[in-house]
């Protein structure tokens, strides 16, 4: 009496051999690469079956090498695409950063340009750390005139005190 398992194993090996012969024919006709590209999952599953079988590994080594090579090419292509996407995104981030910085500078410059010449001078002296009395002495104006200029500067630049003025002028925050 024959063991039915032996017959099944023998049939499975024969089917795998027939598949290998078909694959070799595709390779000879230079159609295997295209077929693998279109049916990669099938070939990877087939290779797993071949590796799990009792077939001599040298009988399907060509397929193993071909799949490794083509899979590697696919991975390299995906890597290149990923690099391009990353560089593109990096370019966008840098461009947006530069644009944002320029817009902030422009906005700050436009706020300062709203100030009169004397207010700009007072602002510059405030930023140098001078007191109201020192500003009045340097510009030969009264202390109340300095205070009026400072009130106008704060109002036009939308700040409440010298510290805010310094932060807004230098772009720093605490």
N, C-alpha and C. Protein backbone atom coordinates (compact mmCIF):
# COMPACT_ATOMS: atom_id res chain seq x y z
N UNK A 1 0.83 -1.17 0.00
CA UNK A 1 0.00 0.00 0.00
C UNK A 1 0.89 1.25 0.00
N UNK A 2 0.56 2.18 -0.86
CA UNK A 2 1.33 3.40 -1.01
C UNK A 2 0.82 4.46 -0.05
N UNK A 3 1.78 5.23 0.49
CA UNK A 3 1.42 6.31 1.40
C UNK A 3 0.90 7.49 0.57
N UNK A 4 -0.35 7.94 0.82
CA UNK A 4 -0.92 9.03 0.02
C UNK A 4 -0.13 10.34 0.18
N UNK A 5 0.53 10.52 1.31
CA UNK A 5 1.32 11.74 1.52
C UNK A 5 2.50 11.80 0.56
N UNK A 6 3.13 10.65 0.35
CA UNK A 6 4.27 10.62 -0.57
C UNK A 6 3.84 11.03 -1.97
N UNK A 7 2.68 10.57 -2.38
CA UNK A 7 2.16 10.92 -3.71
C UNK A 7 1.88 12.40 -3.81
N UNK A 8 1.34 12.98 -2.75
CA UNK A 8 1.05 14.42 -2.74
C UNK A 8 2.34 15.23 -2.80
N UNK A 9 3.34 14.85 -1.99
CA UNK A 9 4.62 15.55 -1.98
C UNK A 9 5.27 15.46 -3.35
N UNK A 10 5.20 14.25 -3.95
CA UNK A 10 5.80 14.04 -5.27
C UNK A 10 5.09 14.93 -6.31
N UNK A 11 3.76 15.00 -6.23
CA UNK A 11 2.99 15.85 -7.16
C UNK A 11 3.33 17.33 -6.96
N UNK A 12 3.46 17.74 -5.71
CA UNK A 12 3.79 19.14 -5.41
C UNK A 12 5.15 19.49 -5.99
N UNK A 13 6.12 18.58 -5.83
CA UNK A 13 7.45 18.83 -6.36
C UNK A 13 7.42 18.91 -7.89
N UNK A 14 6.62 18.04 -8.50
CA UNK A 14 6.52 18.07 -9.96
C UNK A 14 5.89 19.39 -10.43
N UNK A 15 4.88 19.84 -9.71
CA UNK A 15 4.24 21.12 -10.07
C UNK A 15 5.25 22.26 -9.95
N UNK A 16 6.03 22.23 -8.87
CA UNK A 16 7.05 23.27 -8.69
C UNK A 16 8.09 23.21 -9.81
N UNK A 17 8.48 22.01 -10.20
CA UNK A 17 9.45 21.86 -11.29
C UNK A 17 8.88 22.40 -12.61
N UNK A 18 7.59 22.12 -12.86
CA UNK A 18 6.94 22.62 -14.08
C UNK A 18 6.94 24.15 -14.04
N UNK A 19 6.63 24.72 -12.90
CA UNK A 19 6.64 26.18 -12.77
C UNK A 19 8.04 26.73 -13.03
N UNK A 20 9.06 26.07 -12.50
CA UNK A 20 10.44 26.51 -12.71
C UNK A 20 10.81 26.47 -14.19
N UNK A 21 10.38 25.41 -14.86
CA UNK A 21 10.66 25.29 -16.31
C UNK A 21 9.99 26.44 -17.06
N UNK A 22 8.75 26.75 -16.69
CA UNK A 22 8.04 27.88 -17.32
C UNK A 22 8.75 29.19 -17.06
N UNK A 23 9.25 29.37 -15.84
CA UNK A 23 9.97 30.60 -15.49
C UNK A 23 11.27 30.70 -16.28
N UNK A 24 11.95 29.57 -16.45
CA UNK A 24 13.19 29.56 -17.24
C UNK A 24 12.90 29.95 -18.68
N UNK A 25 11.77 29.48 -19.21
CA UNK A 25 11.39 29.84 -20.58
C UNK A 25 11.12 31.35 -20.70
N UNK A 26 10.42 31.89 -19.69
CA UNK A 26 10.17 33.34 -19.68
C UNK A 26 11.50 34.11 -19.64
N UNK A 27 12.45 33.58 -18.86
CA UNK A 27 13.74 34.24 -18.74
C UNK A 27 14.49 34.19 -20.06
N UNK A 28 14.44 33.07 -20.75
CA UNK A 28 15.12 32.94 -22.04
C UNK A 28 14.53 33.91 -23.07
N UNK A 29 13.23 34.14 -22.97
CA UNK A 29 12.56 35.05 -23.90
C UNK A 29 12.64 36.51 -23.42
N UNK A 30 13.37 36.71 -22.33
CA UNK A 30 13.56 38.04 -21.74
C UNK A 30 12.22 38.70 -21.35
N UNK A 31 11.31 37.88 -20.86
CA UNK A 31 10.01 38.37 -20.40
C UNK A 31 9.85 38.27 -18.88
N UNK A 32 10.82 37.63 -18.23
CA UNK A 32 10.68 37.35 -16.80
C UNK A 32 10.70 38.65 -15.98
N UNK A 33 11.60 39.56 -16.30
CA UNK A 33 11.69 40.80 -15.52
C UNK A 33 10.36 41.54 -15.53
N UNK A 34 9.76 41.66 -16.69
CA UNK A 34 8.48 42.35 -16.82
C UNK A 34 7.40 41.62 -16.04
N UNK A 35 7.39 40.28 -16.13
CA UNK A 35 6.37 39.50 -15.43
C UNK A 35 6.54 39.62 -13.91
N UNK A 36 7.79 39.62 -13.47
CA UNK A 36 8.04 39.77 -12.02
C UNK A 36 7.56 41.15 -11.57
N UNK A 37 7.83 42.18 -12.36
CA UNK A 37 7.41 43.53 -12.00
C UNK A 37 5.89 43.62 -11.88
N UNK A 38 5.18 42.87 -12.74
CA UNK A 38 3.72 42.91 -12.72
C UNK A 38 3.12 41.97 -11.67
N UNK A 39 3.85 40.93 -11.29
CA UNK A 39 3.32 39.92 -10.36
C UNK A 39 4.33 39.60 -9.26
N UNK A 40 4.87 40.62 -8.65
CA UNK A 40 5.94 40.42 -7.67
C UNK A 40 5.52 39.52 -6.52
N UNK A 41 4.31 39.70 -6.02
CA UNK A 41 3.83 38.89 -4.89
C UNK A 41 3.80 37.40 -5.26
N UNK A 42 3.34 37.11 -6.46
CA UNK A 42 3.29 35.71 -6.90
C UNK A 42 4.69 35.09 -6.86
N UNK A 43 5.67 35.80 -7.40
CA UNK A 43 7.03 35.25 -7.46
C UNK A 43 7.67 35.14 -6.08
N UNK A 44 7.37 36.08 -5.21
CA UNK A 44 7.90 35.98 -3.85
C UNK A 44 7.29 34.79 -3.11
N UNK A 45 5.99 34.58 -3.31
CA UNK A 45 5.33 33.42 -2.70
C UNK A 45 5.87 32.12 -3.28
N UNK A 46 6.08 32.10 -4.59
CA UNK A 46 6.62 30.91 -5.25
C UNK A 46 8.02 30.61 -4.70
N UNK A 47 8.83 31.63 -4.55
CA UNK A 47 10.17 31.43 -4.00
C UNK A 47 10.10 30.85 -2.59
N UNK A 48 9.15 31.32 -1.80
CA UNK A 48 8.97 30.77 -0.45
C UNK A 48 8.61 29.29 -0.52
N UNK A 49 7.72 28.95 -1.45
CA UNK A 49 7.34 27.54 -1.63
C UNK A 49 8.56 26.71 -2.04
N UNK A 50 9.35 27.24 -2.97
CA UNK A 50 10.54 26.52 -3.43
C UNK A 50 11.53 26.30 -2.28
N UNK A 51 11.70 27.33 -1.46
CA UNK A 51 12.63 27.22 -0.35
C UNK A 51 12.14 26.24 0.71
N UNK A 52 10.82 26.12 0.84
CA UNK A 52 10.25 25.19 1.82
C UNK A 52 10.21 23.75 1.29
N UNK A 53 10.41 23.59 -0.02
CA UNK A 53 10.32 22.25 -0.62
C UNK A 53 11.64 21.50 -0.48
N UNK A 54 11.60 20.25 -0.95
CA UNK A 54 12.80 19.41 -0.92
C UNK A 54 13.64 19.56 -2.19
N UNK A 55 13.29 20.53 -3.02
CA UNK A 55 14.05 20.73 -4.26
C UNK A 55 15.45 21.23 -3.94
N UNK A 56 16.38 20.89 -4.81
CA UNK A 56 17.75 21.33 -4.68
C UNK A 56 17.79 22.86 -4.88
N UNK A 57 18.32 23.61 -3.93
CA UNK A 57 18.34 25.08 -4.04
C UNK A 57 19.02 25.58 -5.31
N UNK A 58 19.92 24.81 -5.88
CA UNK A 58 20.57 25.27 -7.11
C UNK A 58 19.60 25.30 -8.29
N UNK A 59 18.50 24.55 -8.20
CA UNK A 59 17.54 24.51 -9.31
C UNK A 59 16.72 25.81 -9.39
N UNK A 60 16.63 26.53 -8.31
CA UNK A 60 15.88 27.79 -8.34
C UNK A 60 16.73 28.99 -7.91
N UNK A 61 18.03 28.80 -7.84
CA UNK A 61 18.93 29.89 -7.41
C UNK A 61 18.86 31.08 -8.38
N UNK A 62 18.68 30.80 -9.68
CA UNK A 62 18.59 31.89 -10.67
C UNK A 62 17.40 32.79 -10.35
N UNK A 63 16.28 32.18 -9.94
CA UNK A 63 15.08 32.95 -9.62
C UNK A 63 15.32 33.78 -8.35
N UNK A 64 16.00 33.17 -7.40
CA UNK A 64 16.31 33.87 -6.16
C UNK A 64 17.17 35.11 -6.43
N UNK A 65 18.20 34.93 -7.26
CA UNK A 65 19.07 36.06 -7.62
C UNK A 65 18.30 37.14 -8.39
N UNK A 66 17.47 36.69 -9.33
CA UNK A 66 16.70 37.63 -10.15
C UNK A 66 15.75 38.44 -9.27
N UNK A 67 15.06 37.77 -8.35
CA UNK A 67 14.14 38.48 -7.45
C UNK A 67 14.90 39.45 -6.54
N UNK A 68 16.04 39.02 -6.02
CA UNK A 68 16.84 39.89 -5.16
C UNK A 68 17.29 41.13 -5.94
N UNK A 69 17.74 40.91 -7.17
CA UNK A 69 18.22 42.02 -8.01
C UNK A 69 17.08 42.98 -8.33
N UNK A 70 15.95 42.44 -8.80
CA UNK A 70 14.83 43.30 -9.19
C UNK A 70 14.21 44.00 -7.97
N UNK A 71 14.14 43.30 -6.85
CA UNK A 71 13.62 43.92 -5.63
C UNK A 71 14.55 45.04 -5.20
N UNK A 72 15.85 44.81 -5.32
CA UNK A 72 16.82 45.84 -4.97
C UNK A 72 16.68 47.06 -5.86
N UNK A 73 16.48 46.85 -7.15
CA UNK A 73 16.28 47.96 -8.09
C UNK A 73 15.03 48.74 -7.70
N UNK A 74 13.97 48.02 -7.38
CA UNK A 74 12.72 48.67 -6.96
C UNK A 74 12.92 49.49 -5.70
N UNK A 75 13.65 48.93 -4.75
CA UNK A 75 13.91 49.66 -3.51
C UNK A 75 14.76 50.90 -3.76
N UNK A 76 15.75 50.76 -4.64
CA UNK A 76 16.59 51.92 -4.97
C UNK A 76 15.75 53.01 -5.64
N UNK A 77 14.84 52.62 -6.50
CA UNK A 77 13.96 53.58 -7.17
C UNK A 77 13.09 54.29 -6.13
N UNK A 78 12.53 53.51 -5.20
CA UNK A 78 11.71 54.11 -4.15
C UNK A 78 12.54 55.03 -3.27
N UNK A 79 13.77 54.65 -3.00
CA UNK A 79 14.66 55.49 -2.20
C UNK A 79 14.93 56.81 -2.90
N UNK A 80 15.18 56.75 -4.21
CA UNK A 80 15.42 57.98 -4.97
C UNK A 80 14.18 58.88 -4.95
N UNK A 81 12.99 58.26 -5.10
CA UNK A 81 11.77 59.05 -5.06
C UNK A 81 11.59 59.68 -3.68
N UNK A 82 11.90 58.93 -2.64
CA UNK A 82 11.79 59.46 -1.28
C UNK A 82 12.75 60.63 -1.08
N UNK A 83 13.97 60.48 -1.60
CA UNK A 83 14.95 61.57 -1.48
C UNK A 83 14.44 62.82 -2.20
N UNK A 84 13.88 62.64 -3.39
CA UNK A 84 13.35 63.79 -4.13
C UNK A 84 12.23 64.47 -3.35
N UNK A 85 11.35 63.67 -2.78
CA UNK A 85 10.25 64.23 -2.00
C UNK A 85 10.78 64.99 -0.79
N UNK A 86 11.76 64.40 -0.10
CA UNK A 86 12.34 65.04 1.08
C UNK A 86 13.01 66.36 0.69
N UNK A 87 13.80 66.35 -0.39
CA UNK A 87 14.45 67.58 -0.83
C UNK A 87 13.43 68.62 -1.25
N UNK A 88 12.37 68.17 -1.91
CA UNK A 88 11.30 69.10 -2.30
C UNK A 88 10.64 69.73 -1.08
N UNK A 89 10.33 68.90 -0.08
CA UNK A 89 9.72 69.42 1.14
C UNK A 89 10.67 70.35 1.89
N UNK A 90 11.93 69.98 1.92
CA UNK A 90 12.94 70.82 2.57
C UNK A 90 13.03 72.17 1.87
N UNK A 91 13.01 72.15 0.54
CA UNK A 91 13.04 73.39 -0.23
C UNK A 91 11.83 74.26 0.10
N UNK A 92 10.67 73.63 0.20
CA UNK A 92 9.44 74.37 0.53
C UNK A 92 9.55 74.99 1.92
N UNK A 93 10.06 74.22 2.88
CA UNK A 93 10.20 74.73 4.25
C UNK A 93 11.17 75.91 4.30
N UNK A 94 12.30 75.77 3.62
CA UNK A 94 13.28 76.86 3.60
C UNK A 94 12.69 78.09 2.93
N UNK A 95 12.02 77.89 1.81
CA UNK A 95 11.42 79.01 1.09
C UNK A 95 10.38 79.72 1.96
N UNK A 96 9.53 78.94 2.62
CA UNK A 96 8.52 79.55 3.49
C UNK A 96 9.17 80.28 4.67
N UNK A 97 10.24 79.72 5.20
CA UNK A 97 10.95 80.37 6.31
C UNK A 97 11.52 81.71 5.87
N UNK A 98 12.18 81.71 4.72
CA UNK A 98 12.75 82.95 4.20
C UNK A 98 11.64 83.97 3.94
N UNK A 99 10.56 83.52 3.35
CA UNK A 99 9.43 84.40 3.06
C UNK A 99 8.86 84.99 4.36
N UNK A 100 8.71 84.16 5.38
CA UNK A 100 8.18 84.61 6.66
C UNK A 100 9.10 85.65 7.30
N UNK A 101 10.40 85.39 7.28
CA UNK A 101 11.36 86.33 7.85
C UNK A 101 11.31 87.66 7.11
N UNK A 102 11.25 87.61 5.81
CA UNK A 102 11.18 88.85 5.01
C UNK A 102 9.90 89.63 5.31
N UNK A 103 8.79 88.90 5.43
CA UNK A 103 7.52 89.57 5.71
C UNK A 103 7.56 90.24 7.08
N UNK A 104 8.15 89.58 8.08
CA UNK A 104 8.27 90.18 9.41
C UNK A 104 9.12 91.44 9.36
N UNK A 105 10.24 91.36 8.65
CA UNK A 105 11.12 92.54 8.53
C UNK A 105 10.39 93.68 7.84
N UNK A 106 9.68 93.35 6.76
CA UNK A 106 8.94 94.38 6.02
C UNK A 106 7.89 95.03 6.91
N UNK A 107 7.18 94.20 7.66
CA UNK A 107 6.13 94.71 8.54
C UNK A 107 6.74 95.63 9.60
N UNK A 108 7.87 95.20 10.15
CA UNK A 108 8.56 95.99 11.17
C UNK A 108 9.05 97.31 10.56
N UNK A 109 9.62 97.22 9.35
CA UNK A 109 10.10 98.43 8.68
C UNK A 109 8.94 99.37 8.37
N UNK A 110 7.80 98.81 7.98
CA UNK A 110 6.66 99.66 7.65
C UNK A 110 6.13 100.33 8.90
N UNK A 111 6.18 99.65 10.05
CA UNK A 111 5.75 100.27 11.29
C UNK A 111 6.67 101.42 11.66
N UNK A 112 7.97 101.19 11.53
CA UNK A 112 8.94 102.23 11.87
C UNK A 112 8.81 103.40 10.90
N UNK A 113 8.51 103.13 9.64
CA UNK A 113 8.38 104.21 8.65
C UNK A 113 7.17 105.09 8.93
N UNK A 114 6.24 104.63 9.79
CA UNK A 114 5.08 105.42 10.17
C UNK A 114 5.51 106.54 11.12
N UNK A 115 6.64 106.34 11.78
CA UNK A 115 7.13 107.33 12.73
C UNK A 115 7.71 108.54 12.00
N UNK A 116 7.58 109.69 12.65
CA UNK A 116 8.20 110.90 12.09
C UNK A 116 9.71 110.80 12.28
N UNK A 117 10.43 111.71 11.67
CA UNK A 117 11.89 111.70 11.76
C UNK A 117 12.32 111.84 13.23
N UNK A 118 11.71 112.77 13.95
CA UNK A 118 12.06 112.99 15.35
C UNK A 118 11.70 111.76 16.21
N UNK A 119 10.55 111.12 15.91
CA UNK A 119 10.15 109.91 16.65
C UNK A 119 11.13 108.77 16.39
N UNK A 120 11.61 108.65 15.16
CA UNK A 120 12.60 107.61 14.84
C UNK A 120 13.89 107.86 15.63
N UNK A 121 14.26 109.13 15.74
CA UNK A 121 15.46 109.49 16.50
C UNK A 121 15.27 109.13 17.98
N UNK A 122 14.13 109.47 18.54
CA UNK A 122 13.84 109.15 19.94
C UNK A 122 13.83 107.63 20.12
N UNK A 123 13.22 106.93 19.21
CA UNK A 123 13.17 105.46 19.28
C UNK A 123 14.59 104.89 19.29
N UNK A 124 15.44 105.39 18.40
CA UNK A 124 16.83 104.92 18.32
C UNK A 124 17.55 105.15 19.65
N UNK A 125 17.32 106.29 20.24
CA UNK A 125 17.97 106.60 21.53
C UNK A 125 17.42 105.72 22.66
N UNK A 126 16.13 105.46 22.62
CA UNK A 126 15.55 104.54 23.61
C UNK A 126 16.20 103.16 23.48
N UNK A 127 16.36 102.71 22.23
CA UNK A 127 16.96 101.39 21.98
C UNK A 127 18.42 101.36 22.41
N UNK A 128 19.06 102.52 22.47
CA UNK A 128 20.44 102.60 22.96
C UNK A 128 20.49 102.60 24.48
N UNK A 129 19.31 102.63 25.11
CA UNK A 129 19.25 102.55 26.56
C UNK A 129 19.27 103.90 27.26
N UNK A 130 19.04 104.96 26.55
CA UNK A 130 19.08 106.31 27.14
C UNK A 130 17.78 106.58 27.91
N UNK A 131 17.91 107.39 28.96
CA UNK A 131 16.74 107.80 29.75
C UNK A 131 16.05 108.97 29.05
N UNK A 132 14.84 109.29 29.52
CA UNK A 132 14.11 110.42 28.94
C UNK A 132 14.92 111.71 29.08
N UNK A 133 15.55 111.89 30.25
CA UNK A 133 16.32 113.11 30.50
C UNK A 133 17.52 113.19 29.54
N UNK A 134 18.19 112.04 29.33
CA UNK A 134 19.34 112.01 28.42
C UNK A 134 18.92 112.30 26.98
N UNK A 135 17.75 111.78 26.61
CA UNK A 135 17.23 112.04 25.26
C UNK A 135 16.93 113.53 25.10
N UNK A 136 16.28 114.11 26.10
CA UNK A 136 15.94 115.55 26.05
C UNK A 136 17.21 116.38 25.92
N UNK A 137 18.23 116.06 26.69
CA UNK A 137 19.49 116.82 26.63
C UNK A 137 20.18 116.66 25.28
N UNK A 138 20.16 115.43 24.74
CA UNK A 138 20.86 115.17 23.47
C UNK A 138 20.17 115.86 22.29
N UNK A 139 18.83 115.91 22.34
CA UNK A 139 18.08 116.49 21.22
C UNK A 139 17.72 117.97 21.44
N UNK A 140 18.10 118.50 22.60
CA UNK A 140 17.79 119.88 22.94
C UNK A 140 16.29 120.16 22.89
N UNK A 141 15.53 119.26 23.50
CA UNK A 141 14.08 119.43 23.60
C UNK A 141 13.68 119.23 25.07
N UNK A 142 12.47 119.63 25.39
CA UNK A 142 12.02 119.51 26.79
C UNK A 142 11.68 118.06 27.12
N UNK A 143 11.66 117.78 28.41
CA UNK A 143 11.33 116.43 28.89
C UNK A 143 9.90 116.07 28.51
N UNK A 144 8.99 117.03 28.56
CA UNK A 144 7.60 116.74 28.20
C UNK A 144 7.46 116.44 26.70
N UNK A 145 8.31 117.06 25.86
CA UNK A 145 8.30 116.76 24.43
C UNK A 145 8.80 115.32 24.19
N UNK A 146 9.82 114.92 24.93
CA UNK A 146 10.32 113.54 24.83
C UNK A 146 9.20 112.57 25.21
N UNK A 147 8.49 112.89 26.30
CA UNK A 147 7.40 112.01 26.75
C UNK A 147 6.28 111.94 25.71
N UNK A 148 6.01 113.07 25.06
CA UNK A 148 4.99 113.09 23.99
C UNK A 148 5.43 112.20 22.82
N UNK A 149 6.70 112.32 22.42
CA UNK A 149 7.22 111.49 21.33
C UNK A 149 7.13 110.00 21.71
N UNK A 150 7.51 109.69 22.94
CA UNK A 150 7.46 108.29 23.39
C UNK A 150 6.04 107.76 23.38
N UNK A 151 5.08 108.57 23.83
CA UNK A 151 3.66 108.16 23.81
C UNK A 151 3.22 107.90 22.37
N UNK A 152 3.61 108.77 21.45
CA UNK A 152 3.26 108.59 20.03
C UNK A 152 3.91 107.32 19.46
N UNK A 153 5.16 107.09 19.82
CA UNK A 153 5.89 105.89 19.33
C UNK A 153 5.19 104.63 19.83
N UNK A 154 4.89 104.60 21.13
CA UNK A 154 4.21 103.42 21.70
C UNK A 154 2.87 103.17 21.02
N UNK A 155 2.16 104.25 20.76
CA UNK A 155 0.85 104.12 20.13
C UNK A 155 0.98 103.60 18.69
N UNK A 156 1.88 104.20 17.93
CA UNK A 156 2.05 103.80 16.53
C UNK A 156 2.60 102.39 16.37
N UNK A 157 3.48 101.98 17.29
CA UNK A 157 4.09 100.64 17.19
C UNK A 157 3.34 99.61 18.03
N UNK A 158 2.30 100.06 18.70
CA UNK A 158 1.44 99.17 19.49
C UNK A 158 2.24 98.44 20.58
N UNK A 159 2.98 99.19 21.36
CA UNK A 159 3.73 98.64 22.49
C UNK A 159 3.35 99.43 23.74
N UNK A 160 3.61 98.85 24.93
CA UNK A 160 3.20 99.48 26.17
C UNK A 160 4.37 100.09 26.95
N UNK A 161 5.59 99.60 26.69
CA UNK A 161 6.73 100.08 27.46
C UNK A 161 8.03 99.88 26.69
N UNK A 162 9.12 100.31 27.30
CA UNK A 162 10.43 100.23 26.64
C UNK A 162 10.84 98.78 26.36
N UNK A 163 10.53 97.90 27.29
CA UNK A 163 10.89 96.49 27.11
C UNK A 163 10.20 95.90 25.88
N UNK A 164 8.91 96.18 25.73
CA UNK A 164 8.19 95.70 24.54
C UNK A 164 8.75 96.31 23.27
N UNK A 165 9.10 97.58 23.35
CA UNK A 165 9.69 98.26 22.19
C UNK A 165 10.99 97.58 21.80
N UNK A 166 11.81 97.27 22.80
CA UNK A 166 13.08 96.60 22.54
C UNK A 166 12.83 95.21 21.93
N UNK A 167 11.89 94.47 22.50
CA UNK A 167 11.58 93.12 21.98
C UNK A 167 11.09 93.20 20.54
N UNK A 168 10.18 94.13 20.29
CA UNK A 168 9.62 94.24 18.94
C UNK A 168 10.67 94.71 17.94
N UNK A 169 11.58 95.58 18.39
CA UNK A 169 12.60 96.11 17.50
C UNK A 169 13.68 95.11 17.18
N UNK A 170 14.01 94.23 18.15
CA UNK A 170 15.08 93.26 17.94
C UNK A 170 14.53 91.90 17.54
N UNK A 171 13.21 91.71 17.67
CA UNK A 171 12.62 90.42 17.30
C UNK A 171 12.81 89.36 18.34
N UNK A 172 13.20 89.75 19.58
CA UNK A 172 13.40 88.77 20.65
C UNK A 172 12.20 88.79 21.58
N UNK A 173 12.08 87.74 22.35
CA UNK A 173 11.01 87.68 23.35
C UNK A 173 11.56 87.05 24.61
N UNK A 174 10.89 87.31 25.72
CA UNK A 174 11.34 86.75 26.99
C UNK A 174 10.35 85.75 27.51
